[in-house]
Amino acid sequence: MSVKTPANETDTKESRLKRYLKQKASDGEMYFKSKFIADEVGLSPKEIGALMVKLRDSASDIEIEKWSYTSATTWRVTPA
């Protein structure tokens, strides 16, 4: 039996979030707050926020932009 390392867990969470964002933004743009999609992707809003910063720098097939802040960060995602 293998033990998951924290790095593998992060990769799994990151790829799950990236797949979700690509699917939702496939027809154009998507705006969201982490707290409203947390249940759909199985992550906490805090995890999503941290992963969005990573994905913004590393994802080549979607564009991620910090859009606004009103009680929580709103993110804008578009296909690249």
PDB file of N, CA and C in Angstrom:
ATOM      1  N   MET A   1       0.845  -1.173   0.000  1.00  0.00           N
ATOM      2  CA  MET A   1       0.000   0.000   0.000  1.00  0.00           C
ATOM      3  C   MET A   1       0.893   1.239   0.000  1.00  0.00           C
ATOM      4  N   SER A   2       0.576   2.201  -0.874  1.00  0.00           N
ATOM      5  CA  SER A   2       1.382   3.416  -0.945  1.00  0.00           C
ATOM      6  C   SER A   2       0.746   4.519  -0.114  1.00  0.00           C
ATOM      7  N   VAL A   3       1.588   5.405   0.330  1.00  0.00           N
ATOM      8  CA  VAL A   3       1.131   6.537   1.137  1.00  0.00           C
ATOM      9  C   VAL A   3       1.203   7.785   0.273  1.00  0.00           C
ATOM     10  N   LYS A   4       0.128   8.551   0.262  1.00  0.00           N
ATOM     11  CA  LYS A   4       0.123   9.798  -0.510  1.00  0.00           C
ATOM     12  C   LYS A   4       0.970  10.835   0.200  1.00  0.00           C
ATOM     13  N   THR A   5       1.794  11.510  -0.549  1.00  0.00           N
ATOM     14  CA  THR A   5       2.572  12.603   0.012  1.00  0.00           C
ATOM     15  C   THR A   5       1.790  13.890  -0.188  1.00  0.00           C
ATOM     16  N   PRO A   6       2.069  14.907   0.590  1.00  0.00           N
ATOM     17  CA  PRO A   6       1.358  16.173   0.411  1.00  0.00           C
ATOM     18  C   PRO A   6       1.477  16.721  -1.013  1.00  0.00           C
ATOM     19  N   ALA A   7       2.612  16.533  -1.671  1.00  0.00           N
ATOM     20  CA  ALA A   7       2.778  17.031  -3.041  1.00  0.00           C
ATOM     21  C   ALA A   7       1.810  16.330  -3.976  1.00  0.00           C
ATOM     22  N   ASN A   8       1.643  15.020  -3.819  1.00  0.00           N
ATOM     23  CA  ASN A   8       0.705  14.288  -4.674  1.00  0.00           C
ATOM     24  C   ASN A   8      -0.724  14.739  -4.426  1.00  0.00           C
ATOM     25  N   GLU A   9      -1.064  15.006  -3.172  1.00  0.00           N
ATOM     26  CA  GLU A   9      -2.392  15.497  -2.855  1.00  0.00           C
ATOM     27  C   GLU A   9      -2.644  16.837  -3.536  1.00  0.00           C
ATOM     28  N   THR A  10      -1.680  17.722  -3.487  1.00  0.00           N
ATOM     29  CA  THR A  10      -1.814  19.034  -4.103  1.00  0.00           C
ATOM     30  C   THR A  10      -1.985  18.899  -5.604  1.00  0.00           C
ATOM     31  N   ASP A  11      -1.193  18.040  -6.235  1.00  0.00           N
ATOM     32  CA  ASP A  11      -1.315  17.831  -7.670  1.00  0.00           C
ATOM     33  C   ASP A  11      -2.716  17.340  -8.025  1.00  0.00           C
ATOM     34  N   THR A  12      -3.243  16.437  -7.239  1.00  0.00           N
ATOM     35  CA  THR A  12      -4.578  15.910  -7.480  1.00  0.00           C
ATOM     36  C   THR A  12      -5.623  17.016  -7.350  1.00  0.00           C
ATOM     37  N   LYS A  13      -5.526  17.803  -6.319  1.00  0.00           N
ATOM     38  CA  LYS A  13      -6.474  18.897  -6.109  1.00  0.00           C
ATOM     39  C   LYS A  13      -6.346  19.932  -7.217  1.00  0.00           C
ATOM     40  N   GLU A  14      -5.110  20.244  -7.594  1.00  0.00           N
ATOM     41  CA  GLU A  14      -4.872  21.227  -8.642  1.00  0.00           C
ATOM     42  C   GLU A  14      -5.437  20.759  -9.982  1.00  0.00           C
ATOM     43  N   SER A  15      -5.202  19.502 -10.321  1.00  0.00           N
ATOM     44  CA  SER A  15      -5.713  18.992 -11.603  1.00  0.00           C
ATOM     45  C   SER A  15      -7.239  18.908 -11.592  1.00  0.00           C
ATOM     46  N   ARG A  16      -7.830  18.568 -10.441  1.00  0.00           N
ATOM     47  CA  ARG A  16      -9.292  18.514 -10.332  1.00  0.00           C
ATOM     48  C   ARG A  16      -9.897  19.904 -10.544  1.00  0.00           C
ATOM     49  N   LEU A  17      -9.297  20.912  -9.913  1.00  0.00           N
ATOM     50  CA  LEU A  17      -9.785  22.280 -10.068  1.00  0.00           C
ATOM     51  C   LEU A  17      -9.596  22.766 -11.494  1.00  0.00           C
ATOM     52  N   LYS A  18      -8.460  22.469 -12.088  1.00  0.00           N
ATOM     53  CA  LYS A  18      -8.185  22.897 -13.461  1.00  0.00           C
ATOM     54  C   LYS A  18      -9.190  22.275 -14.444  1.00  0.00           C
ATOM     55  N   ARG A  19      -9.480  20.995 -14.276  1.00  0.00           N
ATOM     56  CA  ARG A  19     -10.479  20.332 -15.138  1.00  0.00           C
ATOM     57  C   ARG A  19     -11.841  21.001 -15.006  1.00  0.00           C
ATOM     58  N   TYR A  20     -12.235  21.283 -13.787  1.00  0.00           N
ATOM     59  CA  TYR A  20     -13.516  21.941 -13.523  1.00  0.00           C
ATOM     60  C   TYR A  20     -13.567  23.305 -14.213  1.00  0.00           C
ATOM     61  N   LEU A  21     -12.518  24.093 -14.050  1.00  0.00           N
ATOM     62  CA  LEU A  21     -12.487  25.434 -14.636  1.00  0.00           C
ATOM     63  C   LEU A  21     -12.501  25.373 -16.163  1.00  0.00           C
ATOM     64  N   LYS A  22     -11.739  24.453 -16.744  1.00  0.00           N
ATOM     65  CA  LYS A  22     -11.719  24.312 -18.205  1.00  0.00           C
ATOM     66  C   LYS A  22     -13.111  23.970 -18.732  1.00  0.00           C
ATOM     67  N   GLN A  23     -13.784  23.066 -18.051  1.00  0.00           N
ATOM     68  CA  GLN A  23     -15.120  22.651 -18.493  1.00  0.00           C
ATOM     69  C   GLN A  23     -16.113  23.812 -18.384  1.00  0.00           C
ATOM     70  N   LYS A  24     -16.103  24.511 -17.267  1.00  0.00           N
ATOM     71  CA  LYS A  24     -17.058  25.602 -17.048  1.00  0.00           C
ATOM     72  C   LYS A  24     -16.794  26.801 -17.967  1.00  0.00           C
ATOM     73  N   ALA A  25     -15.542  27.020 -18.339  1.00  0.00           N
ATOM     74  CA  ALA A  25     -15.189  28.169 -19.176  1.00  0.00           C
ATOM     75  C   ALA A  25     -15.097  27.805 -20.653  1.00  0.00           C
ATOM     76  N   SER A  26     -15.447  26.593 -21.011  1.00  0.00           N
ATOM     77  CA  SER A  26     -15.283  26.143 -22.399  1.00  0.00           C
ATOM     78  C   SER A  26     -16.136  26.933 -23.395  1.00  0.00           C
ATOM     79  N   ASP A  27     -17.258  27.473 -22.967  1.00  0.00           N
ATOM     80  CA  ASP A  27     -18.129  28.233 -23.860  1.00  0.00           C
ATOM     81  C   ASP A  27     -17.875  29.739 -23.808  1.00  0.00           C
ATOM     82  N   GLY A  28     -16.894  30.149 -23.065  1.00  0.00           N
ATOM     83  CA  GLY A  28     -16.614  31.579 -22.929  1.00  0.00           C
ATOM     84  C   GLY A  28     -15.970  31.855 -21.604  1.00  0.00           C
ATOM     85  N   GLU A  29     -16.465  32.854 -20.912  1.00  0.00           N
ATOM     86  CA  GLU A  29     -15.856  33.211 -19.644  1.00  0.00           C
ATOM     87  C   GLU A  29     -16.706  32.756 -18.474  1.00  0.00           C
ATOM     88  N   MET A  30     -16.063  32.666 -17.332  1.00  0.00           N
ATOM     89  CA  MET A  30     -16.720  32.223 -16.108  1.00  0.00           C
ATOM     90  C   MET A  30     -16.247  33.124 -14.977  1.00  0.00           C
ATOM     91  N   TYR A  31     -17.168  33.588 -14.164  1.00  0.00           N
ATOM     92  CA  TYR A  31     -16.844  34.366 -12.974  1.00  0.00           C
ATOM     93  C   TYR A  31     -17.320  33.565 -11.770  1.00  0.00           C
ATOM     94  N   PHE A  32     -16.523  33.518 -10.719  1.00  0.00           N
ATOM     95  CA  PHE A  32     -16.947  32.777  -9.537  1.00  0.00           C
ATOM     96  C   PHE A  32     -16.203  33.234  -8.294  1.00  0.00           C
ATOM     97  N   LYS A  33     -16.790  32.901  -7.161  1.00  0.00           N
ATOM     98  CA  LYS A  33     -16.140  33.067  -5.859  1.00  0.00           C
ATOM     99  C   LYS A  33     -15.898  31.659  -5.332  1.00  0.00           C
ATOM    100  N   SER A  34     -14.755  31.459  -4.735  1.00  0.00           N
ATOM    101  CA  SER A  34     -14.351  30.128  -4.263  1.00  0.00           C
ATOM    102  C   SER A  34     -15.406  29.476  -3.382  1.00  0.00           C
ATOM    103  N   LYS A  35     -16.029  30.256  -2.515  1.00  0.00           N
ATOM    104  CA  LYS A  35     -16.990  29.674  -1.577  1.00  0.00           C
ATOM    105  C   LYS A  35     -18.219  29.096  -2.283  1.00  0.00           C
ATOM    106  N   PHE A  36     -18.497  29.535  -3.514  1.00  0.00           N
ATOM    107  CA  PHE A  36     -19.673  29.041  -4.220  1.00  0.00           C
ATOM    108  C   PHE A  36     -19.404  27.789  -5.056  1.00  0.00           C
ATOM    109  N   ILE A  37     -18.134  27.474  -5.317  1.00  0.00           N
ATOM    110  CA  ILE A  37     -17.839  26.252  -6.080  1.00  0.00           C
ATOM    111  C   ILE A  37     -17.157  25.190  -5.214  1.00  0.00           C
ATOM    112  N   ALA A  38     -16.890  25.496  -3.967  1.00  0.00           N
ATOM    113  CA  ALA A  38     -16.144  24.593  -3.085  1.00  0.00           C
ATOM    114  C   ALA A  38     -16.754  23.191  -3.039  1.00  0.00           C
ATOM    115  N   ASP A  39     -18.053  23.095  -2.862  1.00  0.00           N
ATOM    116  CA  ASP A  39     -18.696  21.782  -2.783  1.00  0.00           C
ATOM    117  C   ASP A  39     -18.602  21.026  -4.105  1.00  0.00           C
ATOM    118  N   GLU A  40     -18.716  21.738  -5.217  1.00  0.00           N
ATOM    119  CA  GLU A  40     -18.676  21.098  -6.528  1.00  0.00           C
ATOM    120  C   GLU A  40     -17.326  20.449  -6.825  1.00  0.00           C
ATOM    121  N   VAL A  41     -16.250  21.054  -6.357  1.00  0.00           N
ATOM    122  CA  VAL A  41     -14.916  20.508  -6.624  1.00  0.00           C
ATOM    123  C   VAL A  41     -14.344  19.749  -5.435  1.00  0.00           C
ATOM    124  N   GLY A  42     -15.035  19.738  -4.320  1.00  0.00           N
ATOM    125  CA  GLY A  42     -14.583  18.989  -3.157  1.00  0.00           C
ATOM    126  C   GLY A  42     -13.368  19.589  -2.475  1.00  0.00           C
ATOM    127  N   LEU A  43     -13.277  20.917  -2.491  1.00  0.00           N
ATOM    128  CA  LEU A  43     -12.171  21.619  -1.854  1.00  0.00           C
ATOM    129  C   LEU A  43     -12.729  22.726  -0.981  1.00  0.00           C
ATOM    130  N   SER A  44     -11.927  23.195  -0.056  1.00  0.00           N
ATOM    131  CA  SER A  44     -12.362  24.326   0.759  1.00  0.00           C
ATOM    132  C   SER A  44     -12.117  25.617  -0.027  1.00  0.00           C
ATOM    133  N   PRO A  45     -12.838  26.683   0.297  1.00  0.00           N
ATOM    134  CA  PRO A  45     -12.585  27.958  -0.375  1.00  0.00           C
ATOM    135  C   PRO A  45     -11.138  28.419  -0.238  1.00  0.00           C
ATOM    136  N   LYS A  46     -10.534  28.155   0.902  1.00  0.00           N
ATOM    137  CA  LYS A  46      -9.141  28.544   1.133  1.00  0.00           C
ATOM    138  C   LYS A  46      -8.204  27.761   0.194  1.00  0.00           C
ATOM    139  N   GLU A  47      -8.468  26.459   0.018  1.00  0.00           N
ATOM    140  CA  GLU A  47      -7.664  25.638  -0.900  1.00  0.00           C
ATOM    141  C   GLU A  47      -7.806  26.143  -2.330  1.00  0.00           C
ATOM    142  N   ILE A  48      -9.035  26.477  -2.716  1.00  0.00           N
ATOM    143  CA  ILE A  48      -9.275  26.974  -4.072  1.00  0.00           C
ATOM    144  C   ILE A  48      -8.510  28.272  -4.296  1.00  0.00           C
ATOM    145  N   GLY A  49      -8.572  29.185  -3.338  1.00  0.00           N
ATOM    146  CA  GLY A  49      -7.847  30.458  -3.468  1.00  0.00           C
ATOM    147  C   GLY A  49      -6.358  30.256  -3.660  1.00  0.00           C
ATOM    148  N   ALA A  50      -5.770  29.354  -2.884  1.00  0.00           N
ATOM    149  CA  ALA A  50      -4.335  29.082  -2.999  1.00  0.00           C
ATOM    150  C   ALA A  50      -4.011  28.448  -4.349  1.00  0.00           C
ATOM    151  N   LEU A  51      -4.860  27.528  -4.792  1.00  0.00           N
ATOM    152  CA  LEU A  51      -4.621  26.858  -6.074  1.00  0.00           C
ATOM    153  C   LEU A  51      -4.830  27.796  -7.255  1.00  0.00           C
ATOM    154  N   MET A  52      -5.742  28.760  -7.131  1.00  0.00           N
ATOM    155  CA  MET A  52      -5.977  29.705  -8.222  1.00  0.00           C
ATOM    156  C   MET A  52      -4.723  30.531  -8.506  1.00  0.00           C
ATOM    157  N   VAL A  53      -4.011  30.899  -7.461  1.00  0.00           N
ATOM    158  CA  VAL A  53      -2.773  31.663  -7.635  1.00  0.00           C
ATOM    159  C   VAL A  53      -1.749  30.807  -8.396  1.00  0.00           C
ATOM    160  N   LYS A  54      -1.641  29.536  -8.035  1.00  0.00           N
ATOM    161  CA  LYS A  54      -0.713  28.631  -8.732  1.00  0.00           C
ATOM    162  C   LYS A  54      -1.126  28.440 -10.185  1.00  0.00           C
ATOM    163  N   LEU A  55      -2.419  28.187 -10.405  1.00  0.00           N
ATOM    164  CA  LEU A  55      -2.911  27.948 -11.764  1.00  0.00           C
ATOM    165  C   LEU A  55      -2.778  29.176 -12.647  1.00  0.00           C
ATOM    166  N   ARG A  56      -2.938  30.340 -12.069  1.00  0.00           N
ATOM    167  CA  ARG A  56      -2.819  31.584 -12.836  1.00  0.00           C
ATOM    168  C   ARG A  56      -1.448  31.672 -13.498  1.00  0.00           C
ATOM    169  N   ASP A  57      -0.429  31.187 -12.808  1.00  0.00           N
ATOM    170  CA  ASP A  57       0.934  31.238 -13.335  1.00  0.00           C
ATOM    171  C   ASP A  57       1.309  30.036 -14.200  1.00  0.00           C
ATOM    172  N   SER A  58       0.653  28.898 -13.986  1.00  0.00           N
ATOM    173  CA  SER A  58       1.098  27.676 -14.660  1.00  0.00           C
ATOM    174  C   SER A  58       0.180  27.164 -15.771  1.00  0.00           C
ATOM    175  N   ALA A  59      -1.102  27.471 -15.736  1.00  0.00           N
ATOM    176  CA  ALA A  59      -2.036  26.926 -16.724  1.00  0.00           C
ATOM    177  C   ALA A  59      -1.863  27.634 -18.065  1.00  0.00           C
ATOM    178  N   SER A  60      -1.717  26.851 -19.121  1.00  0.00           N
ATOM    179  CA  SER A  60      -1.546  27.446 -20.451  1.00  0.00           C
ATOM    180  C   SER A  60      -2.819  27.379 -21.290  1.00  0.00           C
ATOM    181  N   ASP A  61      -3.780  26.551 -20.872  1.00  0.00           N
ATOM    182  CA  ASP A  61      -5.002  26.391 -21.664  1.00  0.00           C
ATOM    183  C   ASP A  61      -6.185  27.198 -21.145  1.00  0.00           C
ATOM    184  N   ILE A  62      -6.005  27.857 -20.000  1.00  0.00           N
ATOM    185  CA  ILE A  62      -7.025  28.781 -19.482  1.00  0.00           C
ATOM    186  C   ILE A  62      -6.314  30.024 -18.958  1.00  0.00           C
ATOM    187  N   GLU A  63      -7.024  31.145 -18.997  1.00  0.00           N
ATOM    188  CA  GLU A  63      -6.498  32.389 -18.441  1.00  0.00           C
ATOM    189  C   GLU A  63      -7.276  32.701 -17.170  1.00  0.00           C
ATOM    190  N   ILE A  64      -6.555  33.007 -16.113  1.00  0.00           N
ATOM    191  CA  ILE A  64      -7.161  33.271 -14.814  1.00  0.00           C
ATOM    192  C   ILE A  64      -6.785  34.672 -14.382  1.00  0.00           C
ATOM    193  N   GLU A  65      -7.809  35.400 -13.968  1.00  0.00           N
ATOM    194  CA  GLU A  65      -7.608  36.789 -13.577  1.00  0.00           C
ATOM    195  C   GLU A  65      -8.345  37.061 -12.267  1.00  0.00           C
ATOM    196  N   LYS A  66      -7.666  37.707 -11.340  1.00  0.00           N
ATOM    197  CA  LYS A  66      -8.327  38.153 -10.116  1.00  0.00           C
ATOM    198  C   LYS A  66      -9.177  39.342 -10.523  1.00  0.00           C
ATOM    199  N   TRP A  67     -10.493  39.214 -10.445  1.00  0.00           N
ATOM    200  CA  TRP A  67     -11.389  40.190 -11.049  1.00  0.00           C
ATOM    201  C   TRP A  67     -11.794  41.297 -10.082  1.00  0.00           C
ATOM    202  N   SER A  68     -12.284  40.947  -8.918  1.00  0.00           N
ATOM    203  CA  SER A  68     -12.701  41.964  -7.953  1.00  0.00           C
ATOM    204  C   SER A  68     -12.725  41.366  -6.553  1.00  0.00           C
ATOM    205  N   TYR A  69     -12.957  42.226  -5.578  1.00  0.00           N
ATOM    206  CA  TYR A  69     -13.070  41.755  -4.202  1.00  0.00           C
ATOM    207  C   TYR A  69     -14.241  42.455  -3.538  1.00  0.00           C
ATOM    208  N   THR A  70     -15.272  41.670  -3.246  1.00  0.00           N
ATOM    209  CA  THR A  70     -16.414  42.137  -2.481  1.00  0.00           C
ATOM    210  C   THR A  70     -16.803  40.985  -1.572  1.00  0.00           C
ATOM    211  N   SER A  71     -16.399  41.031  -0.357  1.00  0.00           N
ATOM    212  CA  SER A  71     -16.594  39.998   0.664  1.00  0.00           C
ATOM    213  C   SER A  71     -15.835  38.700   0.367  1.00  0.00           C
ATOM    214  N   ALA A  72     -15.285  38.558  -0.803  1.00  0.00           N
ATOM    215  CA  ALA A  72     -14.415  37.436  -1.188  1.00  0.00           C
ATOM    216  C   ALA A  72     -13.928  37.729  -2.602  1.00  0.00           C
ATOM    217  N   THR A  73     -12.817  37.125  -2.975  1.00  0.00           N
ATOM    218  CA  THR A  73     -12.259  37.356  -4.303  1.00  0.00           C
ATOM    219  C   THR A  73     -13.153  36.743  -5.382  1.00  0.00           C
ATOM    220  N   THR A  74     -13.410  37.513  -6.413  1.00  0.00           N
ATOM    221  CA  THR A  74     -14.094  36.998  -7.607  1.00  0.00           C
ATOM    222  C   THR A  74     -13.022  36.743  -8.658  1.00  0.00           C
ATOM    223  N   TRP A  75     -13.065  35.540  -9.230  1.00  0.00           N
ATOM    224  CA  TRP A  75     -12.099  35.143 -10.262  1.00  0.00           C
ATOM    225  C   TRP A  75     -12.775  35.106 -11.616  1.00  0.00           C
ATOM    226  N   ARG A  76     -12.045  35.459 -12.649  1.00  0.00           N
ATOM    227  CA  ARG A  76     -12.527  35.385 -14.037  1.00  0.00           C
ATOM    228  C   ARG A  76     -11.655  34.358 -14.754  1.00  0.00           C
ATOM    229  N   VAL A  77     -12.299  33.392 -15.388  1.00  0.00           N
ATOM    230  CA  VAL A  77     -11.580  32.335 -16.110  1.00  0.00           C
ATOM    231  C   VAL A  77     -12.088  32.324 -17.550  1.00  0.00           C
ATOM    232  N   THR A  78     -11.158  32.320 -18.492  1.00  0.00           N
ATOM    233  CA  THR A  78     -11.505  32.245 -19.927  1.00  0.00           C
ATOM    234  C   THR A  78     -10.593  31.214 -20.594  1.00  0.00           C
ATOM    235  N   PRO A  79     -11.061  30.629 -21.699  1.00  0.00           N
ATOM    236  CA  PRO A  79     -10.167  29.740 -22.452  1.00  0.00           C
ATOM    237  C   PRO A  79      -8.999  30.542 -23.007  1.00  0.00           C
ATOM    238  N   ALA A  80      -7.828  29.936 -23.088  1.00  0.00           N
ATOM    239  CA  ALA A  80      -6.648  30.638 -23.606  1.00  0.00           C
ATOM    240  C   ALA A  80      -6.676  30.663 -25.117  1.00  0.00           C
TER     241      ALA A  80
END
